[in-house]
PDB file of N, CA and C in Angstrom:
ATOM      1  N   MET A   1       0.834  -1.173   0.000  1.00  0.00           N
ATOM      2  CA  MET A   1       0.000   0.000   0.000  1.00  0.00           C
ATOM      3  C   MET A   1       0.879   1.237   0.000  1.00  0.00           C
ATOM      4  N   HIS A   2       0.610   2.177  -0.888  1.00  0.00           N
ATOM      5  CA  HIS A   2       1.348   3.425  -0.968  1.00  0.00           C
ATOM      6  C   HIS A   2       0.499   4.558  -0.445  1.00  0.00           C
ATOM      7  N   LEU A   3       1.152   5.542   0.116  1.00  0.00           N
ATOM      8  CA  LEU A   3       0.439   6.743   0.527  1.00  0.00           C
ATOM      9  C   LEU A   3      -0.008   7.497  -0.712  1.00  0.00           C
ATOM     10  N   SER A   4      -1.057   8.236  -0.586  1.00  0.00           N
ATOM     11  CA  SER A   4      -1.562   8.974  -1.732  1.00  0.00           C
ATOM     12  C   SER A   4      -0.612  10.082  -2.167  1.00  0.00           C
ATOM     13  N   ASN A   5       0.307  10.480  -1.303  1.00  0.00           N
ATOM     14  CA  ASN A   5       1.249  11.542  -1.661  1.00  0.00           C
ATOM     15  C   ASN A   5       2.534  10.996  -2.290  1.00  0.00           C
ATOM     16  N   GLY A   6       2.577   9.719  -2.619  1.00  0.00           N
ATOM     17  CA  GLY A   6       3.748   9.132  -3.266  1.00  0.00           C
ATOM     18  C   GLY A   6       4.844   8.749  -2.289  1.00  0.00           C
ATOM     19  N   GLY A   7       4.534   8.693  -1.009  1.00  0.00           N
ATOM     20  CA  GLY A   7       5.519   8.338   0.007  1.00  0.00           C
ATOM     21  C   GLY A   7       5.868   6.863  -0.039  1.00  0.00           C
ATOM     22  N   PRO A   8       6.702   6.421   0.882  1.00  0.00           N
ATOM     23  CA  PRO A   8       7.132   5.014   0.897  1.00  0.00           C
ATOM     24  C   PRO A   8       5.980   4.089   1.289  1.00  0.00           C
ATOM     25  N   PRO A   9       6.095   2.821   0.994  1.00  0.00           N
ATOM     26  CA  PRO A   9       5.040   1.870   1.321  1.00  0.00           C
ATOM     27  C   PRO A   9       4.889   1.707   2.834  1.00  0.00           C
ATOM     28  N   LEU A  10       3.712   1.327   3.252  1.00  0.00           N
ATOM     29  CA  LEU A  10       3.435   1.166   4.666  1.00  0.00           C
ATOM     30  C   LEU A  10       3.542  -0.276   5.125  1.00  0.00           C
ATOM     31  N   ASP A  11       3.668  -1.212   4.211  1.00  0.00           N
ATOM     32  CA  ASP A  11       3.773  -2.613   4.603  1.00  0.00           C
ATOM     33  C   ASP A  11       5.072  -3.216   4.077  1.00  0.00           C
ATOM     34  N   ASP A  12       5.485  -4.318   4.675  1.00  0.00           N
ATOM     35  CA  ASP A  12       6.743  -4.959   4.289  1.00  0.00           C
ATOM     36  C   ASP A  12       6.619  -5.835   3.053  1.00  0.00           C
ATOM     37  N   ASN A  13       5.410  -6.047   2.554  1.00  0.00           N
ATOM     38  CA  ASN A  13       5.206  -6.908   1.388  1.00  0.00           C
ATOM     39  C   ASN A  13       5.496  -6.203   0.082  1.00  0.00           C
ATOM     40  N   ASP A  14       5.691  -4.898   0.121  1.00  0.00           N
ATOM     41  CA  ASP A  14       5.942  -4.143  -1.096  1.00  0.00           C
ATOM     42  C   ASP A  14       7.391  -4.349  -1.530  1.00  0.00           C
ATOM     43  N   THR A  15       7.677  -4.124  -2.773  1.00  0.00           N
ATOM     44  CA  THR A  15       9.011  -4.336  -3.316  1.00  0.00           C
ATOM     45  C   THR A  15       9.853  -3.064  -3.295  1.00  0.00           C
ATOM     46  N   HIS A  16       9.397  -2.014  -2.627  1.00  0.00           N
ATOM     47  CA  HIS A  16      10.144  -0.751  -2.563  1.00  0.00           C
ATOM     48  C   HIS A  16      11.482  -0.961  -1.861  1.00  0.00           C
ATOM     49  N   THR A  17      12.544  -0.464  -2.484  1.00  0.00           N
ATOM     50  CA  THR A  17      13.862  -0.489  -1.877  1.00  0.00           C
ATOM     51  C   THR A  17      14.397   0.936  -1.882  1.00  0.00           C
ATOM     52  N   PRO A  18      14.754   1.486  -0.721  1.00  0.00           N
ATOM     53  CA  PRO A  18      15.295   2.842  -0.702  1.00  0.00           C
ATOM     54  C   PRO A  18      16.660   2.884  -1.380  1.00  0.00           C
ATOM     55  N   PRO A  19      17.142   4.073  -1.743  1.00  0.00           N
ATOM     56  CA  PRO A  19      18.428   4.174  -2.447  1.00  0.00           C
ATOM     57  C   PRO A  19      19.593   3.539  -1.706  1.00  0.00           C
ATOM     58  N   TRP A  20      19.538   3.474  -0.387  1.00  0.00           N
ATOM     59  CA  TRP A  20      20.646   2.911   0.398  1.00  0.00           C
ATOM     60  C   TRP A  20      20.509   1.420   0.630  1.00  0.00           C
ATOM     61  N   GLY A  21      19.472   0.788   0.083  1.00  0.00           N
ATOM     62  CA  GLY A  21      19.286  -0.646   0.208  1.00  0.00           C
ATOM     63  C   GLY A  21      18.439  -1.004   1.409  1.00  0.00           C
ATOM     64  N   LYS A  22      18.300  -2.274   1.668  1.00  0.00           N
ATOM     65  CA  LYS A  22      17.435  -2.757   2.747  1.00  0.00           C
ATOM     66  C   LYS A  22      18.169  -2.967   4.067  1.00  0.00           C
ATOM     67  N   ASN A  23      19.484  -2.797   4.086  1.00  0.00           N
ATOM     68  CA  ASN A  23      20.255  -3.104   5.284  1.00  0.00           C
ATOM     69  C   ASN A  23      20.618  -1.879   6.114  1.00  0.00           C
ATOM     70  N   GLY A  24      19.880  -0.817   6.005  1.00  0.00           N
ATOM     71  CA  GLY A  24      20.154   0.375   6.792  1.00  0.00           C
ATOM     72  C   GLY A  24      20.929   1.417   6.017  1.00  0.00           C
ATOM     73  N   ILE A  25      20.924   2.609   6.554  1.00  0.00           N
ATOM     74  CA  ILE A  25      21.528   3.742   5.860  1.00  0.00           C
ATOM     75  C   ILE A  25      23.054   3.683   5.882  1.00  0.00           C
ATOM     76  N   GLY A  26      23.637   3.341   7.017  1.00  0.00           N
ATOM     77  CA  GLY A  26      25.099   3.258   7.092  1.00  0.00           C
ATOM     78  C   GLY A  26      25.756   4.555   6.655  1.00  0.00           C
ATOM     79  N   ASN A  27      26.669   4.483   5.721  1.00  0.00           N
ATOM     80  CA  ASN A  27      27.400   5.655   5.229  1.00  0.00           C
ATOM     81  C   ASN A  27      26.842   6.176   3.911  1.00  0.00           C
ATOM     82  N   TYR A  28      25.610   5.852   3.598  1.00  0.00           N
ATOM     83  CA  TYR A  28      25.028   6.214   2.304  1.00  0.00           C
ATOM     84  C   TYR A  28      25.183   7.706   2.008  1.00  0.00           C
ATOM     85  N   PHE A  29      24.821   8.559   2.957  1.00  0.00           N
ATOM     86  CA  PHE A  29      24.841   9.996   2.693  1.00  0.00           C
ATOM     87  C   PHE A  29      26.259  10.539   2.583  1.00  0.00           C
ATOM     88  N   HIS A  30      27.204   9.949   3.303  1.00  0.00           N
ATOM     89  CA  HIS A  30      28.603  10.355   3.156  1.00  0.00           C
ATOM     90  C   HIS A  30      29.109  10.002   1.754  1.00  0.00           C
ATOM     91  N   TRP A  31      28.798   8.789   1.304  1.00  0.00           N
ATOM     92  CA  TRP A  31      29.222   8.373  -0.035  1.00  0.00           C
ATOM     93  C   TRP A  31      28.525   9.183  -1.118  1.00  0.00           C
ATOM     94  N   ALA A  32      27.238   9.484  -0.929  1.00  0.00           N
ATOM     95  CA  ALA A  32      26.500  10.275  -1.918  1.00  0.00           C
ATOM     96  C   ALA A  32      27.112  11.666  -2.049  1.00  0.00           C
ATOM     97  N   ALA A  33      27.481  12.280  -0.936  1.00  0.00           N
ATOM     98  CA  ALA A  33      28.099  13.605  -0.973  1.00  0.00           C
ATOM     99  C   ALA A  33      29.479  13.549  -1.629  1.00  0.00           C
ATOM    100  N   ALA A  34      30.252  12.525  -1.319  1.00  0.00           N
ATOM    101  CA  ALA A  34      31.579  12.385  -1.924  1.00  0.00           C
ATOM    102  C   ALA A  34      31.476  12.182  -3.431  1.00  0.00           C
ATOM    103  N   LYS A  35      30.509  11.382  -3.865  1.00  0.00           N
ATOM    104  CA  LYS A  35      30.320  11.164  -5.300  1.00  0.00           C
ATOM    105  C   LYS A  35      29.918  12.453  -5.992  1.00  0.00           C
ATOM    106  N   LYS A  36      29.042  13.217  -5.367  1.00  0.00           N
ATOM    107  CA  LYS A  36      28.607  14.486  -5.954  1.00  0.00           C
ATOM    108  C   LYS A  36      29.799  15.424  -6.117  1.00  0.00           C
ATOM    109  N   ARG A  37      30.651  15.525  -5.093  1.00  0.00           N
ATOM    110  CA  ARG A  37      31.831  16.387  -5.187  1.00  0.00           C
ATOM    111  C   ARG A  37      32.771  15.906  -6.293  1.00  0.00           C
ATOM    112  N   ALA A  38      32.919  14.606  -6.441  1.00  0.00           N
ATOM    113  CA  ALA A  38      33.832  14.059  -7.446  1.00  0.00           C
ATOM    114  C   ALA A  38      33.325  14.295  -8.863  1.00  0.00           C
ATOM    115  N   PHE A  39      32.018  14.189  -9.066  1.00  0.00           N
ATOM    116  CA  PHE A  39      31.476  14.301 -10.413  1.00  0.00           C
ATOM    117  C   PHE A  39      31.101  15.727 -10.797  1.00  0.00           C
ATOM    118  N   ASP A  40      30.925  16.604  -9.810  1.00  0.00           N
ATOM    119  CA  ASP A  40      30.631  18.001 -10.122  1.00  0.00           C
ATOM    120  C   ASP A  40      31.919  18.676 -10.554  1.00  0.00           C
ATOM    121  N   ALA A  41      31.878  19.302 -11.689  1.00  0.00           N
ATOM    122  CA  ALA A  41      33.037  20.011 -12.214  1.00  0.00           C
ATOM    123  C   ALA A  41      32.556  21.380 -12.688  1.00  0.00           C
ATOM    124  N   PRO A  42      33.464  22.338 -12.818  1.00  0.00           N
ATOM    125  CA  PRO A  42      33.053  23.612 -13.401  1.00  0.00           C
ATOM    126  C   PRO A  42      32.378  23.381 -14.753  1.00  0.00           C
ATOM    127  N   LEU A  43      31.473  24.262 -15.103  1.00  0.00           N
ATOM    128  CA  LEU A  43      30.638  24.079 -16.292  1.00  0.00           C
ATOM    129  C   LEU A  43      31.441  23.818 -17.560  1.00  0.00           C
ATOM    130  N   ASP A  44      32.499  24.563 -17.785  1.00  0.00           N
ATOM    131  CA  ASP A  44      33.272  24.369 -19.018  1.00  0.00           C
ATOM    132  C   ASP A  44      33.949  22.999 -19.051  1.00  0.00           C
ATOM    133  N   ILE A  45      34.425  22.530 -17.912  1.00  0.00           N
ATOM    134  CA  ILE A  45      35.051  21.205 -17.860  1.00  0.00           C
ATOM    135  C   ILE A  45      33.999  20.119 -18.038  1.00  0.00           C
ATOM    136  N   ALA A  46      32.863  20.252 -17.363  1.00  0.00           N
ATOM    137  CA  ALA A  46      31.788  19.265 -17.493  1.00  0.00           C
ATOM    138  C   ALA A  46      31.290  19.198 -18.934  1.00  0.00           C
ATOM    139  N   ARG A  47      31.153  20.335 -19.566  1.00  0.00           N
ATOM    140  CA  ARG A  47      30.694  20.365 -20.965  1.00  0.00           C
ATOM    141  C   ARG A  47      31.694  19.663 -21.881  1.00  0.00           C
ATOM    142  N   ARG A  48      32.979  19.927 -21.670  1.00  0.00           N
ATOM    143  CA  ARG A  48      34.019  19.292 -22.498  1.00  0.00           C
ATOM    144  C   ARG A  48      34.042  17.779 -22.273  1.00  0.00           C
ATOM    145  N   ARG A  49      33.908  17.352 -21.011  1.00  0.00           N
ATOM    146  CA  ARG A  49      33.862  15.913 -20.731  1.00  0.00           C
ATOM    147  C   ARG A  49      32.652  15.270 -21.387  1.00  0.00           C
ATOM    148  N   ALA A  50      31.509  15.919 -21.308  1.00  0.00           N
ATOM    149  CA  ALA A  50      30.284  15.373 -21.909  1.00  0.00           C
ATOM    150  C   ALA A  50      30.439  15.242 -23.422  1.00  0.00           C
ATOM    151  N   GLN A  51      31.044  16.230 -24.057  1.00  0.00           N
ATOM    152  CA  GLN A  51      31.257  16.177 -25.509  1.00  0.00           C
ATOM    153  C   GLN A  51      32.214  15.053 -25.884  1.00  0.00           C
ATOM    154  N   ARG A  52      33.308  14.929 -25.159  1.00  0.00           N
ATOM    155  CA  ARG A  52      34.280  13.865 -25.448  1.00  0.00           C
ATOM    156  C   ARG A  52      33.683  12.489 -25.191  1.00  0.00           C
ATOM    157  N   ALA A  53      32.904  12.373 -24.121  1.00  0.00           N
ATOM    158  CA  ALA A  53      32.248  11.100 -23.819  1.00  0.00           C
ATOM    159  C   ALA A  53      31.295  10.713 -24.941  1.00  0.00           C
ATOM    160  N   ALA A  54      30.505  11.660 -25.398  1.00  0.00           N
ATOM    161  CA  ALA A  54      29.546  11.380 -26.478  1.00  0.00           C
ATOM    162  C   ALA A  54      30.265  10.972 -27.766  1.00  0.00           C
ATOM    163  N   MET A  55      31.398  11.584 -28.042  1.00  0.00           N
ATOM    164  CA  MET A  55      32.134  11.259 -29.271  1.00  0.00           C
ATOM    165  C   MET A  55      32.635   9.825 -29.279  1.00  0.00           C
ATOM    166  N   ILE A  56      32.916   9.258 -28.107  1.00  0.00           N
ATOM    167  CA  ILE A  56      33.438   7.886 -28.066  1.00  0.00           C
ATOM    168  C   ILE A  56      32.393   6.881 -27.585  1.00  0.00           C
ATOM    169  N   GLY A  57      31.149   7.326 -27.396  1.00  0.00           N
ATOM    170  CA  GLY A  57      30.071   6.400 -27.062  1.00  0.00           C
ATOM    171  C   GLY A  57      29.900   6.091 -25.591  1.00  0.00           C
ATOM    172  N   LEU A  58      30.433   6.941 -24.706  1.00  0.00           N
ATOM    173  CA  LEU A  58      30.293   6.736 -23.277  1.00  0.00           C
ATOM    174  C   LEU A  58      29.379   7.801 -22.681  1.00  0.00           C
ATOM    175  N   THR A  59      28.912   7.540 -21.467  1.00  0.00           N
ATOM    176  CA  THR A  59      28.149   8.554 -20.750  1.00  0.00           C
ATOM    177  C   THR A  59      29.132   9.466 -20.020  1.00  0.00           C
ATOM    178  N   TYR A  60      28.628  10.603 -19.570  1.00  0.00           N
ATOM    179  CA  TYR A  60      29.457  11.521 -18.789  1.00  0.00           C
ATOM    180  C   TYR A  60      30.020  10.817 -17.561  1.00  0.00           C
ATOM    181  N   GLU A  61      29.166  10.040 -16.882  1.00  0.00           N
ATOM    182  CA  GLU A  61      29.597   9.353 -15.669  1.00  0.00           C
ATOM    183  C   GLU A  61      30.701   8.333 -15.963  1.00  0.00           C
ATOM    184  N   GLU A  62      30.532   7.566 -17.042  1.00  0.00           N
ATOM    185  CA  GLU A  62      31.549   6.568 -17.395  1.00  0.00           C
ATOM    186  C   GLU A  62      32.884   7.238 -17.718  1.00  0.00           C
ATOM    187  N   TYR A  63      32.821   8.307 -18.489  1.00  0.00           N
ATOM    188  CA  TYR A  63      34.035   9.014 -18.893  1.00  0.00           C
ATOM    189  C   TYR A  63      34.726   9.633 -17.683  1.00  0.00           C
ATOM    190  N   THR A  64      33.957  10.298 -16.823  1.00  0.00           N
ATOM    191  CA  THR A  64      34.511  10.935 -15.636  1.00  0.00           C
ATOM    192  C   THR A  64      35.078   9.905 -14.673  1.00  0.00           C
ATOM    193  N   LEU A  65      34.391   8.786 -14.522  1.00  0.00           N
ATOM    194  CA  LEU A  65      34.884   7.736 -13.639  1.00  0.00           C
ATOM    195  C   LEU A  65      36.233   7.199 -14.119  1.00  0.00           C
ATOM    196  N   GLU A  66      36.420   7.093 -15.408  1.00  0.00           N
ATOM    197  CA  GLU A  66      37.702   6.644 -15.954  1.00  0.00           C
ATOM    198  C   GLU A  66      38.807   7.641 -15.598  1.00  0.00           C
ATOM    199  N   ILE A  67      38.493   8.921 -15.663  1.00  0.00           N
ATOM    200  CA  ILE A  67      39.477   9.950 -15.288  1.00  0.00           C
ATOM    201  C   ILE A  67      39.800   9.845 -13.799  1.00  0.00           C
ATOM    202  N   LEU A  68      38.765   9.722 -12.968  1.00  0.00           N
ATOM    203  CA  LEU A  68      38.964   9.690 -11.523  1.00  0.00           C
ATOM    204  C   LEU A  68      39.673   8.418 -11.060  1.00  0.00           C
ATOM    205  N   GLU A  69      39.314   7.281 -11.636  1.00  0.00           N
ATOM    206  CA  GLU A  69      39.901   6.010 -11.203  1.00  0.00           C
ATOM    207  C   GLU A  69      41.281   5.754 -11.779  1.00  0.00           C
ATOM    208  N   ARG A  70      41.474   6.082 -13.040  1.00  0.00           N
ATOM    209  CA  ARG A  70      42.708   5.692 -13.723  1.00  0.00           C
ATOM    210  C   ARG A  70      43.574   6.868 -14.155  1.00  0.00           C
ATOM    211  N   GLY A  71      43.047   8.089 -14.072  1.00  0.00           N
ATOM    212  CA  GLY A  71      43.819   9.256 -14.484  1.00  0.00           C
ATOM    213  C   GLY A  71      44.042   9.321 -15.983  1.00  0.00           C
ATOM    214  N   ARG A  72      43.141   8.682 -16.749  1.00  0.00           N
ATOM    215  CA  ARG A  72      43.282   8.636 -18.209  1.00  0.00           C
ATOM    216  C   ARG A  72      42.130   9.350 -18.882  1.00  0.00           C
ATOM    217  N   TYR A  73      42.436  10.117 -19.889  1.00  0.00           N
ATOM    218  CA  TYR A  73      41.435  10.766 -20.720  1.00  0.00           C
ATOM    219  C   TYR A  73      41.305   9.929 -21.979  1.00  0.00           C
ATOM    220  N   LEU A  74      40.220   9.176 -22.067  1.00  0.00           N
ATOM    221  CA  LEU A  74      40.029   8.272 -23.194  1.00  0.00           C
ATOM    222  C   LEU A  74      39.773   9.046 -24.477  1.00  0.00           C
ATOM    223  N   ASN A  75      40.186   8.448 -25.593  1.00  0.00           N
ATOM    224  CA  ASN A  75      39.866   8.989 -26.907  1.00  0.00           C
ATOM    225  C   ASN A  75      39.493   7.838 -27.830  1.00  0.00           C
ATOM    226  N   ALA A  76      39.213   8.145 -29.069  1.00  0.00           N
ATOM    227  CA  ALA A  76      38.699   7.150 -30.015  1.00  0.00           C
ATOM    228  C   ALA A  76      39.662   5.983 -30.249  1.00  0.00           C
ATOM    229  N   THR A  77      40.932   6.146 -29.987  1.00  0.00           N
ATOM    230  CA  THR A  77      41.893   5.050 -30.210  1.00  0.00           C
ATOM    231  C   THR A  77      41.899   4.031 -29.073  1.00  0.00           C
ATOM    232  N   ASP A  78      41.242   4.334 -27.968  1.00  0.00           N
ATOM    233  CA  ASP A  78      41.184   3.420 -26.820  1.00  0.00           C
ATOM    234  C   ASP A  78      40.007   2.451 -26.946  1.00  0.00           C
ATOM    235  N   THR A  79      39.920   1.793 -28.082  1.00  0.00           N
ATOM    236  CA  THR A  79      38.748   0.968 -28.387  1.00  0.00           C
ATOM    237  C   THR A  79      38.551  -0.192 -27.422  1.00  0.00           C
ATOM    238  N   THR A  80      39.619  -0.811 -26.980  1.00  0.00           N
ATOM    239  CA  THR A  80      39.494  -1.959 -26.067  1.00  0.00           C
ATOM    240  C   THR A  80      38.895  -1.525 -24.739  1.00  0.00           C
ATOM    241  N   ARG A  81      39.429  -0.447 -24.168  1.00  0.00           N
ATOM    242  CA  ARG A  81      38.922   0.021 -22.873  1.00  0.00           C
ATOM    243  C   ARG A  81      37.484   0.522 -23.001  1.00  0.00           C
ATOM    244  N   ILE A  82      37.161   1.204 -24.067  1.00  0.00           N
ATOM    245  CA  ILE A  82      35.795   1.691 -24.278  1.00  0.00           C
ATOM    246  C   ILE A  82      34.836   0.511 -24.367  1.00  0.00           C
ATOM    247  N   ALA A  83      35.234  -0.536 -25.084  1.00  0.00           N
ATOM    248  CA  ALA A  83      34.387  -1.732 -25.200  1.00  0.00           C
ATOM    249  C   ALA A  83      34.187  -2.390 -23.837  1.00  0.00           C
ATOM    250  N   GLU A  84      35.231  -2.414 -22.996  1.00  0.00           N
ATOM    251  CA  GLU A  84      35.101  -2.987 -21.651  1.00  0.00           C
ATOM    252  C   GLU A  84      34.101  -2.192 -20.808  1.00  0.00           C
ATOM    253  N   ILE A  85      34.171  -0.881 -20.891  1.00  0.00           N
ATOM    254  CA  ILE A  85      33.258  -0.028 -20.126  1.00  0.00           C
ATOM    255  C   ILE A  85      31.820  -0.231 -20.587  1.00  0.00           C
ATOM    256  N   ILE A  86      31.617  -0.266 -21.890  1.00  0.00           N
ATOM    257  CA  ILE A  86      30.263  -0.465 -22.430  1.00  0.00           C
ATOM    258  C   ILE A  86      29.724  -1.830 -22.054  1.00  0.00           C
ATOM    259  N   ALA A  87      30.577  -2.846 -22.033  1.00  0.00           N
ATOM    260  CA  ALA A  87      30.149  -4.201 -21.687  1.00  0.00           C
ATOM    261  C   ALA A  87      29.675  -4.282 -20.236  1.00  0.00           C
ATOM    262  N   LYS A  88      30.195  -3.422 -19.373  1.00  0.00           N
ATOM    263  CA  LYS A  88      29.813  -3.445 -17.954  1.00  0.00           C
ATOM    264  C   LYS A  88      28.518  -2.701 -17.662  1.00  0.00           C
ATOM    265  N   ARG A  89      27.928  -2.044 -18.633  1.00  0.00           N
ATOM    266  CA  ARG A  89      26.688  -1.307 -18.403  1.00  0.00           C
ATOM    267  C   ARG A  89      25.608  -2.250 -17.898  1.00  0.00           C
ATOM    268  N   GLY A  90      24.932  -1.809 -16.883  1.00  0.00           N
ATOM    269  CA  GLY A  90      23.826  -2.594 -16.339  1.00  0.00           C
ATOM    270  C   GLY A  90      24.239  -3.665 -15.360  1.00  0.00           C
ATOM    271  N   VAL A  91      25.541  -3.898 -15.198  1.00  0.00           N
ATOM    272  CA  VAL A  91      26.007  -4.901 -14.237  1.00  0.00           C
ATOM    273  C   VAL A  91      26.087  -4.245 -12.876  1.00  0.00           C
ATOM    274  N   ARG A  92      25.400  -4.835 -11.876  1.00  0.00           N
ATOM    275  CA  ARG A  92      25.415  -4.312 -10.502  1.00  0.00           C
ATOM    276  C   ARG A  92      26.247  -5.232  -9.629  1.00  0.00           C
ATOM    277  N   TYR A  93      27.063  -4.642  -8.795  1.00  0.00           N
ATOM    278  CA  TYR A  93      27.919  -5.438  -7.904  1.00  0.00           C
ATOM    279  C   TYR A  93      27.373  -5.499  -6.537  1.00  0.00           C
TER     280      TYR A  93
END
């Protein structure tokens, strides 16, 4: 049963899962804030990353994550790595 205002379900039989999962909040908000700081960039940098990501078939998040994790700015010649990133889409750990 859902509230009429779109709130969370009132019974445990519903399949609703909050963003932090079913095992409690833990450090969810700390991680969410850290991710926001990591992915937020000045407008000109974000725009350039988005354009470069689109040119090679990646999302802004995928492209930025590659920069943050590996310190590499991918380009069209990095076909193997781009294919690996695309292959991982939709996989949840």
